[in-house]
């Protein structure tokens, strides 16, 4: 494997598998099998999952929710997804532990860098939920922060598209895919890789981002082996 320690960012929407909401168990189990395969190959894995398939704080705020409460509801949504993934991993024989950015014992242990690293070094998957634990920050920013904290070599952003394009490939058939692109160009072009705060945090701490399609079985293995199945965002 090209990478020995990674932070895998999964979107909540991807767990819904096109239904728009909820958790598709087939997709969940597919993810669990891919993650187990990589853990067995010796890759240390930390995971951050979004909560958009259950509740998104920003959209809640646009409908009249208090923004802070809306974001806290979004954090709880990430815990639900994290518990679901942990359960799926345990079902296929892969140890895992849910860590929460805010105190939520006994649902999960409170996150710390050292606790997450201990889990990974012991062969388990550290699933880190609640984003940063603060409102006004997305799970993209949470995953960038956790990738830096746990000293990952790369932040793997699993999406439903196979990389970064000049435009949205689902809307523009002429969009071209980048094999590699700089943080600065991503920000200058306004490309929707992650939000600006997350991209800037990765740039400041020299944390590479690899964007790939997680929904194709085997792609995680290919990406971690260095096969060009996505886009690398770096200096």
Protein backbone atom coordinates (compact mmCIF):
# COMPACT_ATOMS: atom_id res chain seq x y z
CA UNK A 1 0.00 0.00 0.00
CA UNK A 2 1.17 3.51 -0.83
CA UNK A 3 -0.32 4.96 2.37
CA UNK A 4 0.00 3.58 5.90
CA UNK A 5 -2.34 5.94 7.77
CA UNK A 6 -5.30 7.74 6.24
CA UNK A 7 -8.34 9.76 7.20
CA UNK A 8 -11.32 8.64 5.13
CA UNK A 9 -14.10 11.21 4.75
CA UNK A 10 -17.48 9.78 3.75
CA UNK A 11 -20.57 11.82 2.96
CA UNK A 12 -23.81 11.08 4.74
CA UNK A 13 -25.67 11.28 1.42
CA UNK A 14 -23.59 8.41 0.03
CA UNK A 15 -24.96 6.14 2.77
CA UNK A 16 -28.45 6.84 1.44
CA UNK A 17 -27.39 5.34 -1.94
CA UNK A 18 -29.49 7.66 -4.08
CA UNK A 19 -32.64 7.54 -1.97
CA UNK A 20 -31.92 11.01 -0.56
CA UNK A 21 -32.25 10.10 3.10
CA UNK A 22 -31.71 7.34 5.61
CA UNK A 23 -29.17 4.52 5.48
CA UNK A 24 -29.03 1.92 2.71
CA UNK A 25 -27.76 -1.26 4.38
CA UNK A 26 -26.35 -2.66 1.14
CA UNK A 27 -24.22 0.46 0.61
CA UNK A 28 -23.23 0.45 4.29
CA UNK A 29 -22.10 -3.18 4.13
CA UNK A 30 -20.23 -2.55 0.88
CA UNK A 31 -18.28 0.24 2.58
CA UNK A 32 -17.59 -1.98 5.59
CA UNK A 33 -16.12 -4.75 3.41
CA UNK A 34 -13.84 -2.30 1.58
CA UNK A 35 -12.65 -0.72 4.83
CA UNK A 36 -12.00 -4.12 6.44
CA UNK A 37 -9.94 -5.20 3.43
CA UNK A 38 -7.72 -2.14 3.78
CA UNK A 39 -7.36 -2.53 7.55
CA UNK A 40 -6.32 -6.16 7.04
CA UNK A 41 -3.72 -4.96 4.51
CA UNK A 42 -2.11 -2.94 7.29
CA UNK A 43 -3.56 0.52 6.60
CA UNK A 44 -4.42 2.50 9.74
CA UNK A 45 -7.80 4.12 9.14
CA UNK A 46 -9.61 7.01 10.79
CA UNK A 47 -13.08 7.87 9.44
CA UNK A 48 -15.26 10.98 9.53
CA UNK A 49 -18.82 10.69 8.18
CA UNK A 50 -21.17 13.55 7.38
CA UNK A 51 -24.81 13.57 8.46
CA UNK A 52 -26.58 15.02 5.42
CA UNK A 53 -28.68 11.91 4.87
CA UNK A 54 -30.37 12.58 8.22
CA UNK A 55 -30.11 16.32 8.94
CA UNK A 56 -28.03 19.17 7.59
CA UNK A 57 -27.63 22.14 9.93
CA UNK A 58 -27.30 24.78 7.21
CA UNK A 59 -30.48 23.73 5.42
CA UNK A 60 -32.23 23.61 8.79
CA UNK A 61 -31.17 27.19 9.47
CA UNK A 62 -32.67 28.27 6.13
CA UNK A 63 -36.01 26.85 7.31
CA UNK A 64 -36.01 28.77 10.56
CA UNK A 65 -33.94 26.60 12.92
CA UNK A 66 -31.51 28.38 15.20
CA UNK A 67 -28.15 27.87 13.43
CA UNK A 68 -26.32 26.62 16.52
CA UNK A 69 -29.08 24.14 17.38
CA UNK A 70 -29.30 23.10 13.73
CA UNK A 71 -25.58 22.38 13.62
CA UNK A 72 -25.84 20.43 16.86
CA UNK A 73 -28.60 18.34 15.30
CA UNK A 74 -26.25 17.75 12.37
CA UNK A 75 -23.57 16.56 14.81
CA UNK A 76 -26.02 14.03 16.25
CA UNK A 77 -26.76 12.85 12.70
CA UNK A 78 -23.06 12.07 12.23
CA UNK A 79 -23.15 9.98 15.42
CA UNK A 80 -26.05 7.90 14.03
CA UNK A 81 -24.09 7.25 10.82
CA UNK A 82 -20.94 6.46 12.80
CA UNK A 83 -22.77 3.93 14.96
CA UNK A 84 -24.25 2.33 11.82
CA UNK A 85 -20.82 2.01 10.20
CA UNK A 86 -19.28 0.69 13.41
CA UNK A 87 -22.01 -1.94 13.63
CA UNK A 88 -21.45 -2.95 9.99
CA UNK A 89 -17.69 -3.21 10.55
CA UNK A 90 -18.12 -5.33 13.67
CA UNK A 91 -20.52 -7.61 11.73
CA UNK A 92 -17.77 -8.41 9.19
CA UNK A 93 -15.20 -8.95 11.93
CA UNK A 94 -13.43 -5.60 11.82
CA UNK A 95 -12.89 -3.96 15.25
CA UNK A 96 -13.82 -0.28 15.45
CA UNK A 97 -14.50 2.40 18.00
CA UNK A 98 -16.79 5.43 17.81
CA UNK A 99 -15.20 8.58 19.22
CA UNK A 100 -17.25 11.74 19.71
CA UNK A 101 -16.00 15.34 19.70
CA UNK A 102 -18.48 16.15 22.48
CA UNK A 103 -19.01 14.03 25.58
CA UNK A 104 -21.58 11.38 24.71
CA UNK A 105 -20.59 8.42 26.88
CA UNK A 106 -21.64 5.58 26.69
CA UNK A 107 -22.64 6.06 23.04
CA UNK A 108 -19.01 6.75 22.21
CA UNK A 109 -15.79 7.68 23.96
CA UNK A 110 -14.76 11.33 23.91
CA UNK A 111 -12.31 11.95 21.07
CA UNK A 112 -8.65 12.71 21.58
CA UNK A 113 -5.81 12.42 19.10
CA UNK A 114 -4.02 9.85 21.24
CA UNK A 115 -7.12 7.70 21.74
CA UNK A 116 -7.73 7.60 17.98
CA UNK A 117 -4.10 6.67 17.27
CA UNK A 118 -4.21 3.93 19.93
CA UNK A 119 -7.30 2.43 18.27
CA UNK A 120 -5.65 2.46 14.84
CA UNK A 121 -2.34 1.04 16.06
CA UNK A 122 -4.26 -1.83 17.66
CA UNK A 123 -5.78 -2.68 14.27
CA UNK A 124 -9.14 -1.03 14.86
CA UNK A 125 -10.89 1.64 12.81
CA UNK A 126 -11.32 4.97 14.62
CA UNK A 127 -14.68 6.49 13.63
CA UNK A 128 -14.63 10.14 14.69
CA UNK A 129 -18.03 11.83 14.91
CA UNK A 130 -19.61 15.22 15.72
CA UNK A 131 -17.38 17.12 13.28
CA UNK A 132 -15.23 19.60 15.18
CA UNK A 133 -17.77 19.67 18.01
CA UNK A 134 -18.52 23.33 17.23
CA UNK A 135 -21.26 25.01 15.19
CA UNK A 136 -20.48 26.86 11.94
CA UNK A 137 -17.94 24.22 10.91
CA UNK A 138 -18.71 21.52 8.36
CA UNK A 139 -17.70 17.86 8.57
CA UNK A 140 -15.28 18.66 5.71
CA UNK A 141 -13.47 20.99 8.10
CA UNK A 142 -13.82 18.38 10.85
CA UNK A 143 -12.21 15.73 8.65
CA UNK A 144 -9.38 18.09 7.62
CA UNK A 145 -8.72 18.85 11.29
CA UNK A 146 -8.79 15.18 12.31
CA UNK A 147 -6.53 14.16 9.40
CA UNK A 148 -3.94 16.66 10.58
CA UNK A 149 -4.33 15.71 14.24
CA UNK A 150 -3.98 11.94 13.77
CA UNK A 151 -0.95 12.53 11.50
CA UNK A 152 -2.54 10.90 8.45
CA UNK A 153 -0.52 10.86 5.25
CA UNK A 154 -3.55 11.82 3.17
CA UNK A 155 -7.20 12.73 3.55
CA UNK A 156 -9.24 10.42 1.31
CA UNK A 157 -12.51 12.08 0.31
CA UNK A 158 -14.90 9.38 -0.85
CA UNK A 159 -17.63 10.86 -3.03
CA UNK A 160 -19.95 9.77 -5.84
CA UNK A 161 -17.71 11.26 -8.56
CA UNK A 162 -14.26 10.08 -9.60
CA UNK A 163 -12.32 13.24 -8.80
CA UNK A 164 -12.24 17.00 -9.25
CA UNK A 165 -13.60 18.42 -12.50
CA UNK A 166 -13.54 21.82 -14.21
CA UNK A 167 -17.31 21.91 -13.62
CA UNK A 168 -19.99 19.65 -12.15
CA UNK A 169 -19.78 16.53 -14.35
CA UNK A 170 -23.39 15.65 -13.49
CA UNK A 171 -24.53 18.94 -15.06
CA UNK A 172 -21.84 19.68 -17.66
CA UNK A 173 -20.90 16.79 -20.01
CA UNK A 174 -17.87 18.76 -21.27
CA UNK A 175 -16.31 18.95 -17.77
CA UNK A 176 -12.71 17.70 -17.65
CA UNK A 177 -11.21 15.76 -14.75
CA UNK A 178 -7.93 16.80 -13.10
CA UNK A 179 -5.45 14.10 -12.12
CA UNK A 180 -3.71 16.62 -9.85
CA UNK A 181 -4.53 20.18 -8.86
CA UNK A 182 -3.18 22.66 -6.30
CA UNK A 183 -5.10 24.01 -3.30
CA UNK A 184 -4.71 27.51 -4.74
CA UNK A 185 -6.25 26.56 -8.07
CA UNK A 186 -9.15 24.81 -6.34
CA UNK A 187 -9.87 28.02 -4.39
CA UNK A 188 -9.26 30.35 -7.36
CA UNK A 189 -11.61 28.36 -9.60
CA UNK A 190 -14.22 28.02 -6.85
CA UNK A 191 -14.30 24.23 -7.29
CA UNK A 192 -16.53 22.40 -4.83
CA UNK A 193 -13.96 19.96 -3.46
CA UNK A 194 -14.56 21.01 0.14
CA UNK A 195 -15.52 24.26 1.78
CA UNK A 196 -12.90 27.01 1.86
CA UNK A 197 -12.10 26.60 5.56
CA UNK A 198 -11.29 22.90 5.08
CA UNK A 199 -9.22 23.53 1.94
CA UNK A 200 -7.27 26.34 3.60
CA UNK A 201 -6.62 24.17 6.68
CA UNK A 202 -5.24 21.37 4.48
CA UNK A 203 -3.09 23.85 2.55
CA UNK A 204 -1.65 25.45 5.70
CA UNK A 205 -0.73 22.04 7.11
CA UNK A 206 0.35 20.43 3.82
CA UNK A 207 -2.33 17.72 4.06
CA UNK A 208 -2.96 16.17 0.61
CA UNK A 209 -6.58 15.49 -0.34
CA UNK A 210 -7.45 12.60 -2.63
CA UNK A 211 -10.94 12.76 -4.16
CA UNK A 212 -12.33 9.50 -5.57
CA UNK A 213 -15.55 7.57 -6.12
CA UNK A 214 -16.09 5.40 -3.05
CA UNK A 215 -19.30 3.92 -4.46
CA UNK A 216 -17.40 1.68 -6.89
CA UNK A 217 -16.30 -1.46 -5.00
CA UNK A 218 -12.52 -1.85 -5.06
CA UNK A 219 -11.82 1.86 -5.58
CA UNK A 220 -10.62 2.40 -2.02
CA UNK A 221 -8.01 -0.33 -2.47
CA UNK A 222 -6.93 1.12 -5.81
CA UNK A 223 -6.69 4.65 -4.40
CA UNK A 224 -4.63 3.52 -1.41
CA UNK A 225 -2.36 1.52 -3.72
CA UNK A 226 -1.61 4.66 -5.75
CA UNK A 227 -3.70 3.83 -8.83
CA UNK A 228 -5.01 6.99 -10.57
CA UNK A 229 -8.71 6.58 -9.85
CA UNK A 230 -9.28 10.13 -8.61
CA UNK A 231 -7.74 13.58 -8.19
CA UNK A 232 -4.90 14.55 -5.86
CA UNK A 233 -5.12 18.03 -4.36
CA UNK A 234 -1.75 19.17 -3.10
CA UNK A 235 0.71 22.08 -3.14
